[in-house]
Amino acid sequence: MAWQERNGNWLLIPARPQGIVHFLGGAFVAAAPQVTYRWLLEALYGEGYAVVATPFINTFDHERSPKMSSPASKVPSNAYVPAANY
């Protein structure tokens, strides 16, 4: 199991994923969710899920927060999982 960085996201992709879990950071340790939430994300991977971990820097500027996370959500889903895995 090896994390891969793609488009600013960290990925764990099993050979035949049964679903995709997109994890968006957290309040205090959001800059590296693939490290701080590793046990949870790798457990999901172990159950057959593709994992996308997106770093997110929390701010008290609540208008800016959604705009900061939106580029990752605009990446087409086929950018995460290679077509050969289907």
PDB file of N, CA and C in Angstrom:
ATOM      1  N   MET A   1       0.856  -1.171   0.000  1.00  0.00           N
ATOM      2  CA  MET A   1       0.000   0.000   0.000  1.00  0.00           C
ATOM      3  C   MET A   1       0.899   1.230   0.000  1.00  0.00           C
ATOM      4  N   ALA A   2       0.694   2.078  -0.981  1.00  0.00           N
ATOM      5  CA  ALA A   2       1.491   3.298  -1.079  1.00  0.00           C
ATOM      6  C   ALA A   2       0.594   4.473  -1.440  1.00  0.00           C
ATOM      7  N   TRP A   3       0.691   5.534  -0.673  1.00  0.00           N
ATOM      8  CA  TRP A   3      -0.052   6.743  -0.980  1.00  0.00           C
ATOM      9  C   TRP A   3       0.529   7.363  -2.245  1.00  0.00           C
ATOM     10  N   GLN A   4      -0.354   7.896  -3.088  1.00  0.00           N
ATOM     11  CA  GLN A   4       0.046   8.598  -4.306  1.00  0.00           C
ATOM     12  C   GLN A   4      -0.530  10.011  -4.254  1.00  0.00           C
ATOM     13  N   GLU A   5       0.263  10.991  -4.638  1.00  0.00           N
ATOM     14  CA  GLU A   5      -0.234  12.365  -4.699  1.00  0.00           C
ATOM     15  C   GLU A   5      -0.664  12.654  -6.128  1.00  0.00           C
ATOM     16  N   ARG A   6      -1.875  13.179  -6.278  1.00  0.00           N
ATOM     17  CA  ARG A   6      -2.384  13.540  -7.600  1.00  0.00           C
ATOM     18  C   ARG A   6      -3.295  14.758  -7.469  1.00  0.00           C
ATOM     19  N   ASN A   7      -2.959  15.813  -8.195  1.00  0.00           N
ATOM     20  CA  ASN A   7      -3.765  17.047  -8.195  1.00  0.00           C
ATOM     21  C   ASN A   7      -3.965  17.624  -6.798  1.00  0.00           C
ATOM     22  N   GLY A   8      -2.966  17.511  -5.932  1.00  0.00           N
ATOM     23  CA  GLY A   8      -3.070  18.035  -4.572  1.00  0.00           C
ATOM     24  C   GLY A   8      -3.816  17.131  -3.610  1.00  0.00           C
ATOM     25  N   ASN A   9      -4.258  15.974  -4.076  1.00  0.00           N
ATOM     26  CA  ASN A   9      -4.965  14.996  -3.237  1.00  0.00           C
ATOM     27  C   ASN A   9      -4.044  13.802  -3.004  1.00  0.00           C
ATOM     28  N   TRP A  10      -4.277  13.084  -1.913  1.00  0.00           N
ATOM     29  CA  TRP A  10      -3.520  11.866  -1.614  1.00  0.00           C
ATOM     30  C   TRP A  10      -4.446  10.679  -1.802  1.00  0.00           C
ATOM     31  N   LEU A  11      -3.986   9.673  -2.552  1.00  0.00           N
ATOM     32  CA  LEU A  11      -4.835   8.567  -2.972  1.00  0.00           C
ATOM     33  C   LEU A  11      -4.308   7.218  -2.513  1.00  0.00           C
ATOM     34  N   LEU A  12      -5.237   6.336  -2.162  1.00  0.00           N
ATOM     35  CA  LEU A  12      -4.998   4.905  -1.978  1.00  0.00           C
ATOM     36  C   LEU A  12      -6.036   4.211  -2.845  1.00  0.00           C
ATOM     37  N   ILE A  13      -5.596   3.483  -3.864  1.00  0.00           N
ATOM     38  CA  ILE A  13      -6.531   2.879  -4.812  1.00  0.00           C
ATOM     39  C   ILE A  13      -6.314   1.371  -4.848  1.00  0.00           C
ATOM     40  N   PRO A  14      -7.287   0.577  -4.372  1.00  0.00           N
ATOM     41  CA  PRO A  14      -7.158  -0.879  -4.486  1.00  0.00           C
ATOM     42  C   PRO A  14      -7.381  -1.322  -5.942  1.00  0.00           C
ATOM     43  N   ALA A  15      -7.026  -2.548  -6.229  1.00  0.00           N
ATOM     44  CA  ALA A  15      -7.147  -3.067  -7.600  1.00  0.00           C
ATOM     45  C   ALA A  15      -8.579  -2.987  -8.119  1.00  0.00           C
ATOM     46  N   ARG A  16      -9.559  -3.330  -7.294  1.00  0.00           N
ATOM     47  CA  ARG A  16     -10.965  -3.297  -7.710  1.00  0.00           C
ATOM     48  C   ARG A  16     -11.788  -2.598  -6.619  1.00  0.00           C
ATOM     49  N   PRO A  17     -11.811  -1.263  -6.630  1.00  0.00           N
ATOM     50  CA  PRO A  17     -12.521  -0.537  -5.567  1.00  0.00           C
ATOM     51  C   PRO A  17     -14.019  -0.801  -5.589  1.00  0.00           C
ATOM     52  N   GLN A  18     -14.583  -0.933  -4.389  1.00  0.00           N
ATOM     53  CA  GLN A  18     -16.035  -1.117  -4.284  1.00  0.00           C
ATOM     54  C   GLN A  18     -16.750   0.208  -4.028  1.00  0.00           C
ATOM     55  N   GLY A  19     -15.985   1.267  -3.887  1.00  0.00           N
ATOM     56  CA  GLY A  19     -16.549   2.594  -3.683  1.00  0.00           C
ATOM     57  C   GLY A  19     -15.412   3.581  -3.483  1.00  0.00           C
ATOM     58  N   ILE A  20     -15.756   4.858  -3.419  1.00  0.00           N
ATOM     59  CA  ILE A  20     -14.760   5.904  -3.207  1.00  0.00           C
ATOM     60  C   ILE A  20     -15.143   6.695  -1.966  1.00  0.00           C
ATOM     61  N   VAL A  21     -14.166   6.907  -1.092  1.00  0.00           N
ATOM     62  CA  VAL A  21     -14.339   7.748   0.087  1.00  0.00           C
ATOM     63  C   VAL A  21     -13.474   8.982  -0.122  1.00  0.00           C
ATOM     64  N   HIS A  22     -14.098  10.160  -0.127  1.00  0.00           N
ATOM     65  CA  HIS A  22     -13.354  11.417  -0.251  1.00  0.00           C
ATOM     66  C   HIS A  22     -13.333  12.069   1.121  1.00  0.00           C
ATOM     67  N   PHE A  23     -12.150  12.120   1.718  1.00  0.00           N
ATOM     68  CA  PHE A  23     -11.974  12.656   3.073  1.00  0.00           C
ATOM     69  C   PHE A  23     -11.400  14.053   2.958  1.00  0.00           C
ATOM     70  N   LEU A  24     -12.112  15.032   3.478  1.00  0.00           N
ATOM     71  CA  LEU A  24     -11.693  16.421   3.401  1.00  0.00           C
ATOM     72  C   LEU A  24     -11.163  16.865   4.753  1.00  0.00           C
ATOM     73  N   GLY A  25      -9.839  16.850   4.899  1.00  0.00           N
ATOM     74  CA  GLY A  25      -9.123  17.366   6.059  1.00  0.00           C
ATOM     75  C   GLY A  25      -9.815  17.267   7.400  1.00  0.00           C
ATOM     76  N   GLY A  26      -9.598  18.253   8.233  1.00  0.00           N
ATOM     77  CA  GLY A  26     -10.151  18.316   9.574  1.00  0.00           C
ATOM     78  C   GLY A  26      -9.834  19.667  10.187  1.00  0.00           C
ATOM     79  N   ALA A  27     -10.250  19.892  11.403  1.00  0.00           N
ATOM     80  CA  ALA A  27     -10.127  21.215  12.012  1.00  0.00           C
ATOM     81  C   ALA A  27      -8.694  21.613  12.362  1.00  0.00           C
ATOM     82  N   PHE A  28      -7.905  20.716  12.911  1.00  0.00           N
ATOM     83  CA  PHE A  28      -6.595  21.126  13.402  1.00  0.00           C
ATOM     84  C   PHE A  28      -5.429  20.499  12.645  1.00  0.00           C
ATOM     85  N   VAL A  29      -5.614  19.353  12.087  1.00  0.00           N
ATOM     86  CA  VAL A  29      -4.513  18.645  11.430  1.00  0.00           C
ATOM     87  C   VAL A  29      -4.839  18.390   9.961  1.00  0.00           C
ATOM     88  N   ALA A  30      -5.517  19.348   9.360  1.00  0.00           N
ATOM     89  CA  ALA A  30      -6.050  19.168   8.017  1.00  0.00           C
ATOM     90  C   ALA A  30      -5.018  19.251   6.910  1.00  0.00           C
ATOM     91  N   ALA A  31      -3.871  19.818   7.177  1.00  0.00           N
ATOM     92  CA  ALA A  31      -2.883  19.992   6.121  1.00  0.00           C
ATOM     93  C   ALA A  31      -2.315  18.663   5.626  1.00  0.00           C
ATOM     94  N   ALA A  32      -2.424  17.614   6.422  1.00  0.00           N
ATOM     95  CA  ALA A  32      -1.888  16.304   6.031  1.00  0.00           C
ATOM     96  C   ALA A  32      -2.814  15.188   6.508  1.00  0.00           C
ATOM     97  N   PRO A  33      -4.041  15.101   5.966  1.00  0.00           N
ATOM     98  CA  PRO A  33      -4.973  14.080   6.448  1.00  0.00           C
ATOM     99  C   PRO A  33      -4.483  12.655   6.202  1.00  0.00           C
ATOM    100  N   GLN A  34      -3.665  12.446   5.162  1.00  0.00           N
ATOM    101  CA  GLN A  34      -3.146  11.115   4.870  1.00  0.00           C
ATOM    102  C   GLN A  34      -2.187  10.647   5.960  1.00  0.00           C
ATOM    103  N   VAL A  35      -1.693  11.568   6.772  1.00  0.00           N
ATOM    104  CA  VAL A  35      -0.807  11.218   7.889  1.00  0.00           C
ATOM    105  C   VAL A  35      -1.596  11.157   9.192  1.00  0.00           C
ATOM    106  N   THR A  36      -2.359  12.220   9.483  1.00  0.00           N
ATOM    107  CA  THR A  36      -3.038  12.316  10.772  1.00  0.00           C
ATOM    108  C   THR A  36      -4.240  11.382  10.904  1.00  0.00           C
ATOM    109  N   TYR A  37      -4.890  11.059   9.819  1.00  0.00           N
ATOM    110  CA  TYR A  37      -6.028  10.129   9.842  1.00  0.00           C
ATOM    111  C   TYR A  37      -5.671   8.805   9.173  1.00  0.00           C
ATOM    112  N   ARG A  38      -4.386   8.519   9.122  1.00  0.00           N
ATOM    113  CA  ARG A  38      -3.884   7.348   8.408  1.00  0.00           C
ATOM    114  C   ARG A  38      -4.564   6.045   8.816  1.00  0.00           C
ATOM    115  N   TRP A  39      -4.713   5.813  10.127  1.00  0.00           N
ATOM    116  CA  TRP A  39      -5.300   4.548  10.608  1.00  0.00           C
ATOM    117  C   TRP A  39      -6.705   4.356  10.068  1.00  0.00           C
ATOM    118  N   LEU A  40      -7.502   5.416  10.040  1.00  0.00           N
ATOM    119  CA  LEU A  40      -8.877   5.340   9.542  1.00  0.00           C
ATOM    120  C   LEU A  40      -8.897   5.137   8.025  1.00  0.00           C
ATOM    121  N   LEU A  41      -8.134   5.945   7.314  1.00  0.00           N
ATOM    122  CA  LEU A  41      -8.145   5.897   5.854  1.00  0.00           C
ATOM    123  C   LEU A  41      -7.571   4.588   5.323  1.00  0.00           C
ATOM    124  N   GLU A  42      -6.520   4.081   5.964  1.00  0.00           N
ATOM    125  CA  GLU A  42      -5.948   2.812   5.525  1.00  0.00           C
ATOM    126  C   GLU A  42      -6.855   1.632   5.884  1.00  0.00           C
ATOM    127  N   ALA A  43      -7.642   1.775   6.945  1.00  0.00           N
ATOM    128  CA  ALA A  43      -8.627   0.730   7.271  1.00  0.00           C
ATOM    129  C   ALA A  43      -9.720   0.676   6.203  1.00  0.00           C
ATOM    130  N   LEU A  44     -10.159   1.839   5.731  1.00  0.00           N
ATOM    131  CA  LEU A  44     -11.148   1.877   4.649  1.00  0.00           C
ATOM    132  C   LEU A  44     -10.571   1.259   3.378  1.00  0.00           C
ATOM    133  N   TYR A  45      -9.330   1.576   3.082  1.00  0.00           N
ATOM    134  CA  TYR A  45      -8.643   0.977   1.933  1.00  0.00           C
ATOM    135  C   TYR A  45      -8.586  -0.542   2.091  1.00  0.00           C
ATOM    136  N   GLY A  46      -8.301  -1.002   3.304  1.00  0.00           N
ATOM    137  CA  GLY A  46      -8.233  -2.436   3.577  1.00  0.00           C
ATOM    138  C   GLY A  46      -9.562  -3.146   3.367  1.00  0.00           C
ATOM    139  N   GLU A  47     -10.661  -2.396   3.442  1.00  0.00           N
ATOM    140  CA  GLU A  47     -11.993  -2.958   3.207  1.00  0.00           C
ATOM    141  C   GLU A  47     -12.395  -2.863   1.727  1.00  0.00           C
ATOM    142  N   GLY A  48     -11.490  -2.357   0.884  1.00  0.00           N
ATOM    143  CA  GLY A  48     -11.755  -2.319  -0.553  1.00  0.00           C
ATOM    144  C   GLY A  48     -12.175  -0.981  -1.119  1.00  0.00           C
ATOM    145  N   TYR A  49     -12.110   0.074  -0.323  1.00  0.00           N
ATOM    146  CA  TYR A  49     -12.519   1.394  -0.800  1.00  0.00           C
ATOM    147  C   TYR A  49     -11.330   2.176  -1.338  1.00  0.00           C
ATOM    148  N   ALA A  50     -11.536   2.905  -2.426  1.00  0.00           N
ATOM    149  CA  ALA A  50     -10.552   3.876  -2.892  1.00  0.00           C
ATOM    150  C   ALA A  50     -10.662   5.082  -1.969  1.00  0.00           C
ATOM    151  N   VAL A  51      -9.532   5.607  -1.546  1.00  0.00           N
ATOM    152  CA  VAL A  51      -9.508   6.726  -0.603  1.00  0.00           C
ATOM    153  C   VAL A  51      -8.868   7.934  -1.276  1.00  0.00           C
ATOM    154  N   VAL A  52      -9.562   9.071  -1.196  1.00  0.00           N
ATOM    155  CA  VAL A  52      -9.037  10.353  -1.650  1.00  0.00           C
ATOM    156  C   VAL A  52      -8.984  11.247  -0.418  1.00  0.00           C
ATOM    157  N   ALA A  53      -7.785  11.671  -0.021  1.00  0.00           N
ATOM    158  CA  ALA A  53      -7.616  12.551   1.132  1.00  0.00           C
ATOM    159  C   ALA A  53      -7.193  13.923   0.622  1.00  0.00           C
ATOM    160  N   THR A  54      -8.032  14.920   0.873  1.00  0.00           N
ATOM    161  CA  THR A  54      -7.770  16.278   0.399  1.00  0.00           C
ATOM    162  C   THR A  54      -7.372  17.159   1.573  1.00  0.00           C
ATOM    163  N   PRO A  55      -6.162  17.723   1.535  1.00  0.00           N
ATOM    164  CA  PRO A  55      -5.760  18.657   2.583  1.00  0.00           C
ATOM    165  C   PRO A  55      -6.677  19.879   2.586  1.00  0.00           C
ATOM    166  N   PHE A  56      -6.949  20.397   3.767  1.00  0.00           N
ATOM    167  CA  PHE A  56      -7.834  21.548   3.902  1.00  0.00           C
ATOM    168  C   PHE A  56      -7.362  22.379   5.079  1.00  0.00           C
ATOM    169  N   ILE A  57      -7.083  23.639   4.835  1.00  0.00           N
ATOM    170  CA  ILE A  57      -6.660  24.539   5.900  1.00  0.00           C
ATOM    171  C   ILE A  57      -7.890  25.270   6.419  1.00  0.00           C
ATOM    172  N   ASN A  58      -8.219  25.040   7.678  1.00  0.00           N
ATOM    173  CA  ASN A  58      -9.382  25.656   8.298  1.00  0.00           C
ATOM    174  C   ASN A  58      -9.096  27.123   8.577  1.00  0.00           C
ATOM    175  N   THR A  59     -10.117  27.937   8.453  1.00  0.00           N
ATOM    176  CA  THR A  59      -9.976  29.369   8.695  1.00  0.00           C
ATOM    177  C   THR A  59     -11.262  29.885   9.331  1.00  0.00           C
ATOM    178  N   PHE A  60     -11.152  31.045   9.974  1.00  0.00           N
ATOM    179  CA  PHE A  60     -12.347  31.656  10.545  1.00  0.00           C
ATOM    180  C   PHE A  60     -13.066  32.533   9.514  1.00  0.00           C
ATOM    181  N   ASP A  61     -12.503  32.646   8.320  1.00  0.00           N
ATOM    182  CA  ASP A  61     -13.154  33.347   7.228  1.00  0.00           C
ATOM    183  C   ASP A  61     -14.103  32.347   6.555  1.00  0.00           C
ATOM    184  N   HIS A  62     -15.332  32.295   7.015  1.00  0.00           N
ATOM    185  CA  HIS A  62     -16.277  31.265   6.585  1.00  0.00           C
ATOM    186  C   HIS A  62     -16.750  31.424   5.145  1.00  0.00           C
ATOM    187  N   GLU A  63     -16.593  32.599   4.573  1.00  0.00           N
ATOM    188  CA  GLU A  63     -16.916  32.752   3.149  1.00  0.00           C
ATOM    189  C   GLU A  63     -15.813  32.168   2.286  1.00  0.00           C
ATOM    190  N   ARG A  64     -14.586  32.261   2.746  1.00  0.00           N
ATOM    191  CA  ARG A  64     -13.439  31.788   1.973  1.00  0.00           C
ATOM    192  C   ARG A  64     -13.265  30.271   2.065  1.00  0.00           C
ATOM    193  N   SER A  65     -13.649  29.656   3.155  1.00  0.00           N
ATOM    194  CA  SER A  65     -13.420  28.221   3.366  1.00  0.00           C
ATOM    195  C   SER A  65     -13.954  27.341   2.239  1.00  0.00           C
ATOM    196  N   PRO A  66     -15.212  27.480   1.813  1.00  0.00           N
ATOM    197  CA  PRO A  66     -15.699  26.622   0.725  1.00  0.00           C
ATOM    198  C   PRO A  66     -14.954  26.856  -0.586  1.00  0.00           C
ATOM    199  N   LYS A  67     -14.547  28.088  -0.824  1.00  0.00           N
ATOM    200  CA  LYS A  67     -13.818  28.392  -2.051  1.00  0.00           C
ATOM    201  C   LYS A  67     -12.453  27.717  -2.058  1.00  0.00           C
ATOM    202  N   MET A  68     -11.850  27.548  -0.885  1.00  0.00           N
ATOM    203  CA  MET A  68     -10.537  26.919  -0.787  1.00  0.00           C
ATOM    204  C   MET A  68     -10.612  25.436  -1.106  1.00  0.00           C
ATOM    205  N   SER A  69     -11.705  24.786  -0.783  1.00  0.00           N
ATOM    206  CA  SER A  69     -11.819  23.349  -1.016  1.00  0.00           C
ATOM    207  C   SER A  69     -12.396  23.010  -2.380  1.00  0.00           C
ATOM    208  N   SER A  70     -13.000  23.971  -3.052  1.00  0.00           N
ATOM    209  CA  SER A  70     -13.707  23.667  -4.290  1.00  0.00           C
ATOM    210  C   SER A  70     -12.832  23.164  -5.433  1.00  0.00           C
ATOM    211  N   PRO A  71     -11.573  23.580  -5.619  1.00  0.00           N
ATOM    212  CA  PRO A  71     -10.820  23.032  -6.754  1.00  0.00           C
ATOM    213  C   PRO A  71     -10.694  21.516  -6.718  1.00  0.00           C
ATOM    214  N   ALA A  72     -10.520  20.935  -5.554  1.00  0.00           N
ATOM    215  CA  ALA A  72     -10.405  19.480  -5.465  1.00  0.00           C
ATOM    216  C   ALA A  72     -11.713  18.802  -5.838  1.00  0.00           C
ATOM    217  N   SER A  73     -12.830  19.427  -5.533  1.00  0.00           N
ATOM    218  CA  SER A  73     -14.116  18.802  -5.840  1.00  0.00           C
ATOM    219  C   SER A  73     -14.465  18.928  -7.320  1.00  0.00           C
ATOM    220  N   LYS A  74     -13.737  19.752  -8.063  1.00  0.00           N
ATOM    221  CA  LYS A  74     -13.995  19.916  -9.488  1.00  0.00           C
ATOM    222  C   LYS A  74     -13.160  18.972 -10.342  1.00  0.00           C
ATOM    223  N   VAL A  75     -12.285  18.198  -9.728  1.00  0.00           N
ATOM    224  CA  VAL A  75     -11.477  17.252 -10.481  1.00  0.00           C
ATOM    225  C   VAL A  75     -12.382  16.118 -10.933  1.00  0.00           C
ATOM    226  N   PRO A  76     -12.395  15.755 -12.213  1.00  0.00           N
ATOM    227  CA  PRO A  76     -13.265  14.665 -12.685  1.00  0.00           C
ATOM    228  C   PRO A  76     -12.970  13.365 -11.943  1.00  0.00           C
ATOM    229  N   SER A  77     -14.000  12.594 -11.675  1.00  0.00           N
ATOM    230  CA  SER A  77     -13.821  11.357 -10.913  1.00  0.00           C
ATOM    231  C   SER A  77     -12.874  10.390 -11.605  1.00  0.00           C
ATOM    232  N   ASN A  78     -12.793  10.409 -12.943  1.00  0.00           N
ATOM    233  CA  ASN A  78     -11.892   9.482 -13.623  1.00  0.00           C
ATOM    234  C   ASN A  78     -10.427   9.891 -13.467  1.00  0.00           C
ATOM    235  N   ALA A  79     -10.154  11.057 -12.871  1.00  0.00           N
ATOM    236  CA  ALA A  79      -8.777  11.450 -12.599  1.00  0.00           C
ATOM    237  C   ALA A  79      -8.226  10.699 -11.400  1.00  0.00           C
ATOM    238  N   TYR A  80      -9.095  10.128 -10.574  1.00  0.00           N
ATOM    239  CA  TYR A  80      -8.667   9.438  -9.367  1.00  0.00           C
ATOM    240  C   TYR A  80      -8.391   7.949  -9.609  1.00  0.00           C
ATOM    241  N   VAL A  81      -9.294   7.281 -10.273  1.00  0.00           N
ATOM    242  CA  VAL A  81      -9.207   5.831 -10.417  1.00  0.00           C
ATOM    243  C   VAL A  81      -8.950   5.490 -11.882  1.00  0.00           C
ATOM    244  N   PRO A  82      -7.813   4.856 -12.179  1.00  0.00           N
ATOM    245  CA  PRO A  82      -7.554   4.507 -13.576  1.00  0.00           C
ATOM    246  C   PRO A  82      -8.638   3.588 -14.135  1.00  0.00           C
ATOM    247  N   ALA A  83      -9.001   3.789 -15.390  1.00  0.00           N
ATOM    248  CA  ALA A  83     -10.068   3.014 -16.019  1.00  0.00           C
ATOM    249  C   ALA A  83      -9.765   1.522 -16.032  1.00  0.00           C
ATOM    250  N   ALA A  84      -8.501   1.148 -16.021  1.00  0.00           N
ATOM    251  CA  ALA A  84      -8.127  -0.264 -16.060  1.00  0.00           C
ATOM    252  C   ALA A  84      -8.577  -1.008 -14.811  1.00  0.00           C
ATOM    253  N   ASN A  85      -8.905  -0.290 -13.750  1.00  0.00           N
ATOM    254  CA  ASN A  85      -9.334  -0.937 -12.508  1.00  0.00           C
ATOM    255  C   ASN A  85     -10.799  -1.363 -12.531  1.00  0.00           C
ATOM    256  N   TYR A  86     -11.529  -1.042 -13.561  1.00  0.00           N
ATOM    257  CA  TYR A  86     -12.949  -1.376 -13.590  1.00  0.00           C
ATOM    258  C   TYR A  86     -13.165  -2.697 -14.237  1.00  0.00           C
TER     259      TYR A  86
END
